[in-house]
Amino acid sequence: MHIKYIHHVAILTDNYLLSKQFYTDILGFEIIAETYRAERDSYKLDLAINGLYQVELFSFPDYRERGSYPEAKGLRHLAFAVENVESAAAYLKSRSVAVQDVRIDELTGKKFVFFLDPNGQPLELYEI
């Protein structure tokens, strides 16, 4: 087996329209495809980041909250690379997204900042 790259990341939402607006209008992801699956009463939204990566946004009527925060087993956070963390954080704040203070990675010396999507999913911006 030779894994080539991460194909997609899947995120479950309890408010599909709010999450769709957040990932497209605020984060600027491109819609690849949007599918409503009547048998599941569920939407699946495929999103691209610069045409390279795919985020799948799902809605299910029977979702469950995370067991604990932030140290629950599973995906701890999803990080996105940006050229300037401070300007990206300022942009998010201008769109009424609560952003933590910018920090410095003690191992790399790079800047990073955390924020949450509308579902409480921890997201990170990491300066490249």
Foldseek 3Di string as FASTA:
>chain_A
DDDDDDAEAEDEAQDVVQLVCCCCVQVNWAWPDWDQDVVQRKIWTWTHDVNPHIYIYMYGNPDDAQPDPQPGPDDNAAEDEDADAVVSVVSCVVVVWDKDDWDADPVPRWIKIWTAGPRRGIYMYTHD
